[in-house]
Amino acid sequence: NRAKTDPLLQAYLQACRRLEKQGINRHAGETPSALLQRLQQAGHPASDTMRQITETYLAARYAGAAMNSARRKIRELSRQLR
């Protein structure tokens, strides 16, 4: 299971679980960008924090940004989603 072995993905999914506690469930197969767009369209108060999380996640995953610092930043930002 990729989620168990990928620390960056674990950090992103932790943020998604915090959103679930606020009633925002990630749809099956929904990309990080699609989730962010849905939050922004709904005017959800967490959309700015999720924008930062999504940008950090995508930069580390696809643009070669440092994985460890991205993971730490995502975890730090996800604490704001309480």
N, C-alpha and C. Protein backbone atom coordinates (compact mmCIF):
# COMPACT_ATOMS: atom_id res chain seq x y z
N ASN A 1 0.85 -1.18 0.00
CA ASN A 1 0.00 0.00 0.00
C ASN A 1 0.89 1.24 0.00
N ARG A 2 0.75 2.04 -1.04
CA ARG A 2 1.60 3.21 -1.22
C ARG A 2 1.45 4.21 -0.08
N ALA A 3 0.24 4.39 0.43
CA ALA A 3 0.01 5.37 1.50
C ALA A 3 0.81 5.03 2.75
N LYS A 4 1.07 3.75 2.98
CA LYS A 4 1.81 3.34 4.17
C LYS A 4 3.31 3.58 4.02
N THR A 5 3.80 3.60 2.80
CA THR A 5 5.24 3.71 2.59
C THR A 5 5.68 5.08 2.07
N ASP A 6 4.77 5.97 1.80
CA ASP A 6 5.09 7.27 1.23
C ASP A 6 4.82 8.36 2.26
N PRO A 7 5.86 8.87 2.93
CA PRO A 7 5.67 9.87 3.99
C PRO A 7 5.00 11.15 3.50
N LEU A 8 5.29 11.55 2.27
CA LEU A 8 4.67 12.76 1.73
C LEU A 8 3.17 12.55 1.55
N LEU A 9 2.80 11.41 1.01
CA LEU A 9 1.38 11.09 0.84
C LEU A 9 0.70 10.96 2.19
N GLN A 10 1.36 10.38 3.16
CA GLN A 10 0.79 10.27 4.51
C GLN A 10 0.47 11.65 5.08
N ALA A 11 1.38 12.59 4.90
CA ALA A 11 1.17 13.95 5.41
C ALA A 11 -0.03 14.60 4.72
N TYR A 12 -0.14 14.43 3.40
CA TYR A 12 -1.28 14.99 2.67
C TYR A 12 -2.59 14.36 3.12
N LEU A 13 -2.59 13.05 3.28
CA LEU A 13 -3.82 12.36 3.70
C LEU A 13 -4.22 12.73 5.12
N GLN A 14 -3.24 13.05 5.96
CA GLN A 14 -3.55 13.52 7.31
C GLN A 14 -4.34 14.83 7.23
N ALA A 15 -3.93 15.71 6.35
CA ALA A 15 -4.66 16.96 6.16
C ALA A 15 -6.08 16.67 5.67
N CYS A 16 -6.22 15.71 4.78
CA CYS A 16 -7.55 15.34 4.28
C CYS A 16 -8.42 14.78 5.40
N ARG A 17 -7.83 14.00 6.30
CA ARG A 17 -8.60 13.46 7.43
C ARG A 17 -9.08 14.58 8.34
N ARG A 18 -8.28 15.62 8.50
CA ARG A 18 -8.70 16.76 9.31
C ARG A 18 -9.86 17.50 8.65
N LEU A 19 -9.84 17.54 7.33
CA LEU A 19 -10.97 18.14 6.61
C LEU A 19 -12.23 17.31 6.80
N GLU A 20 -12.08 15.99 6.83
CA GLU A 20 -13.24 15.11 7.02
C GLU A 20 -13.94 15.42 8.33
N LYS A 21 -13.18 15.79 9.35
CA LYS A 21 -13.77 16.14 10.65
C LYS A 21 -14.61 17.41 10.54
N GLN A 22 -14.36 18.20 9.48
CA GLN A 22 -15.12 19.42 9.25
C GLN A 22 -16.25 19.19 8.24
N GLY A 23 -16.43 17.93 7.85
CA GLY A 23 -17.51 17.58 6.94
C GLY A 23 -17.15 17.62 5.47
N ILE A 24 -15.87 17.78 5.15
CA ILE A 24 -15.43 17.79 3.75
C ILE A 24 -14.73 16.47 3.46
N ASN A 25 -15.39 15.61 2.72
CA ASN A 25 -14.82 14.31 2.38
C ASN A 25 -14.20 14.35 1.00
N ARG A 26 -13.01 13.80 0.88
CA ARG A 26 -12.34 13.68 -0.41
C ARG A 26 -13.01 12.55 -1.18
N HIS A 27 -13.41 12.83 -2.41
CA HIS A 27 -14.07 11.82 -3.24
C HIS A 27 -13.04 10.80 -3.74
N ALA A 28 -13.49 9.58 -3.96
CA ALA A 28 -12.61 8.54 -4.48
C ALA A 28 -12.02 8.99 -5.81
N GLY A 29 -10.71 8.92 -5.91
CA GLY A 29 -10.04 9.30 -7.15
C GLY A 29 -9.89 10.80 -7.35
N GLU A 30 -10.30 11.59 -6.38
CA GLU A 30 -10.22 13.05 -6.52
C GLU A 30 -8.77 13.51 -6.35
N THR A 31 -8.30 14.29 -7.28
CA THR A 31 -6.92 14.78 -7.22
C THR A 31 -6.83 15.91 -6.18
N PRO A 32 -5.61 16.18 -5.70
CA PRO A 32 -5.45 17.30 -4.77
C PRO A 32 -5.95 18.62 -5.36
N SER A 33 -5.71 18.83 -6.64
CA SER A 33 -6.16 20.07 -7.28
C SER A 33 -7.68 20.15 -7.35
N ALA A 34 -8.33 19.02 -7.63
CA ALA A 34 -9.79 19.00 -7.70
C ALA A 34 -10.42 19.26 -6.33
N LEU A 35 -9.83 18.67 -5.30
CA LEU A 35 -10.32 18.91 -3.94
C LEU A 35 -10.18 20.38 -3.59
N LEU A 36 -9.03 20.95 -3.90
CA LEU A 36 -8.81 22.37 -3.62
C LEU A 36 -9.82 23.23 -4.38
N GLN A 37 -10.05 22.93 -5.62
CA GLN A 37 -11.00 23.71 -6.41
C GLN A 37 -12.40 23.63 -5.81
N ARG A 38 -12.78 22.46 -5.36
CA ARG A 38 -14.10 22.28 -4.73
C ARG A 38 -14.20 23.13 -3.46
N LEU A 39 -13.14 23.14 -2.64
CA LEU A 39 -13.14 23.95 -1.42
C LEU A 39 -13.23 25.43 -1.75
N GLN A 40 -12.48 25.87 -2.75
CA GLN A 40 -12.48 27.28 -3.12
C GLN A 40 -13.85 27.70 -3.66
N GLN A 41 -14.47 26.86 -4.48
CA GLN A 41 -15.78 27.18 -5.03
C GLN A 41 -16.84 27.28 -3.94
N ALA A 42 -16.68 26.46 -2.89
CA ALA A 42 -17.63 26.49 -1.78
C ALA A 42 -17.34 27.63 -0.81
N GLY A 43 -16.20 28.29 -0.98
CA GLY A 43 -15.82 29.36 -0.07
C GLY A 43 -15.50 28.85 1.32
N HIS A 44 -15.00 27.63 1.40
CA HIS A 44 -14.69 27.01 2.69
C HIS A 44 -13.54 27.76 3.36
N PRO A 45 -13.63 27.99 4.67
CA PRO A 45 -12.58 28.73 5.37
C PRO A 45 -11.20 28.06 5.33
N ALA A 46 -11.15 26.77 5.09
CA ALA A 46 -9.87 26.06 5.05
C ALA A 46 -9.24 26.09 3.66
N SER A 47 -9.86 26.76 2.71
CA SER A 47 -9.35 26.70 1.33
C SER A 47 -7.96 27.33 1.19
N ASP A 48 -7.66 28.39 1.93
CA ASP A 48 -6.34 29.00 1.82
C ASP A 48 -5.26 28.06 2.37
N THR A 49 -5.54 27.44 3.50
CA THR A 49 -4.58 26.49 4.07
C THR A 49 -4.40 25.29 3.14
N MET A 50 -5.50 24.79 2.59
CA MET A 50 -5.41 23.66 1.67
C MET A 50 -4.70 24.05 0.38
N ARG A 51 -4.81 25.30 -0.03
CA ARG A 51 -4.08 25.77 -1.21
C ARG A 51 -2.57 25.64 -0.95
N GLN A 52 -2.15 26.08 0.22
CA GLN A 52 -0.73 25.98 0.57
C GLN A 52 -0.28 24.53 0.66
N ILE A 53 -1.11 23.70 1.27
CA ILE A 53 -0.79 22.26 1.39
C ILE A 53 -0.70 21.63 0.00
N THR A 54 -1.67 21.92 -0.85
CA THR A 54 -1.70 21.34 -2.19
C THR A 54 -0.50 21.79 -3.01
N GLU A 55 -0.18 23.08 -2.96
CA GLU A 55 0.96 23.59 -3.71
C GLU A 55 2.26 22.93 -3.23
N THR A 56 2.40 22.77 -1.92
CA THR A 56 3.59 22.14 -1.37
C THR A 56 3.66 20.68 -1.79
N TYR A 57 2.54 19.98 -1.68
CA TYR A 57 2.49 18.56 -2.06
C TYR A 57 2.85 18.38 -3.53
N LEU A 58 2.23 19.15 -4.41
CA LEU A 58 2.46 19.00 -5.84
C LEU A 58 3.90 19.38 -6.22
N ALA A 59 4.44 20.40 -5.57
CA ALA A 59 5.82 20.80 -5.86
C ALA A 59 6.80 19.69 -5.48
N ALA A 60 6.56 19.06 -4.36
CA ALA A 60 7.45 17.98 -3.92
C ALA A 60 7.25 16.73 -4.77
N ARG A 61 6.02 16.46 -5.12
CA ARG A 61 5.71 15.23 -5.86
C ARG A 61 6.17 15.33 -7.32
N TYR A 62 5.96 16.48 -7.95
CA TYR A 62 6.16 16.55 -9.40
C TYR A 62 7.22 17.56 -9.86
N ALA A 63 7.61 18.50 -9.02
CA ALA A 63 8.55 19.52 -9.46
C ALA A 63 9.92 19.37 -8.81
N GLY A 64 10.11 18.31 -8.05
CA GLY A 64 11.42 18.04 -7.48
C GLY A 64 11.78 18.83 -6.23
N ALA A 65 10.80 19.45 -5.60
CA ALA A 65 11.08 20.14 -4.34
C ALA A 65 11.49 19.12 -3.28
N ALA A 66 12.15 19.57 -2.25
CA ALA A 66 12.65 18.67 -1.20
C ALA A 66 11.49 17.99 -0.47
N MET A 67 11.49 16.67 -0.50
CA MET A 67 10.41 15.88 0.09
C MET A 67 10.28 16.08 1.60
N ASN A 68 11.41 16.01 2.31
CA ASN A 68 11.34 16.10 3.77
C ASN A 68 10.84 17.45 4.25
N SER A 69 11.31 18.52 3.65
CA SER A 69 10.83 19.84 4.08
C SER A 69 9.37 20.03 3.69
N ALA A 70 8.97 19.49 2.54
CA ALA A 70 7.57 19.57 2.12
C ALA A 70 6.67 18.81 3.09
N ARG A 71 7.11 17.63 3.49
CA ARG A 71 6.34 16.83 4.44
C ARG A 71 6.16 17.57 5.76
N ARG A 72 7.24 18.19 6.25
CA ARG A 72 7.15 18.95 7.50
C ARG A 72 6.21 20.15 7.36
N LYS A 73 6.29 20.83 6.23
CA LYS A 73 5.44 22.00 6.01
C LYS A 73 3.97 21.58 5.93
N ILE A 74 3.68 20.48 5.26
CA ILE A 74 2.30 20.00 5.15
C ILE A 74 1.77 19.64 6.54
N ARG A 75 2.56 18.96 7.33
CA ARG A 75 2.12 18.60 8.69
C ARG A 75 1.86 19.85 9.52
N GLU A 76 2.73 20.83 9.40
CA GLU A 76 2.57 22.08 10.15
C GLU A 76 1.29 22.80 9.72
N LEU A 77 1.07 22.88 8.41
CA LEU A 77 -0.12 23.54 7.90
C LEU A 77 -1.40 22.78 8.27
N SER A 78 -1.33 21.46 8.27
CA SER A 78 -2.55 20.67 8.55
C SER A 78 -3.02 20.86 9.99
N ARG A 79 -2.12 21.27 10.87
CA ARG A 79 -2.54 21.56 12.25
C ARG A 79 -3.51 22.74 12.29
N GLN A 80 -3.45 23.60 11.29
CA GLN A 80 -4.37 24.74 11.23
C GLN A 80 -5.78 24.32 10.85
N LEU A 81 -5.96 23.10 10.40
CA LEU A 81 -7.26 22.62 9.94
C LEU A 81 -8.15 22.10 11.06
N ARG A 82 -7.73 22.25 12.28
CA ARG A 82 -8.53 21.75 13.41
C ARG A 82 -9.77 22.54 13.59
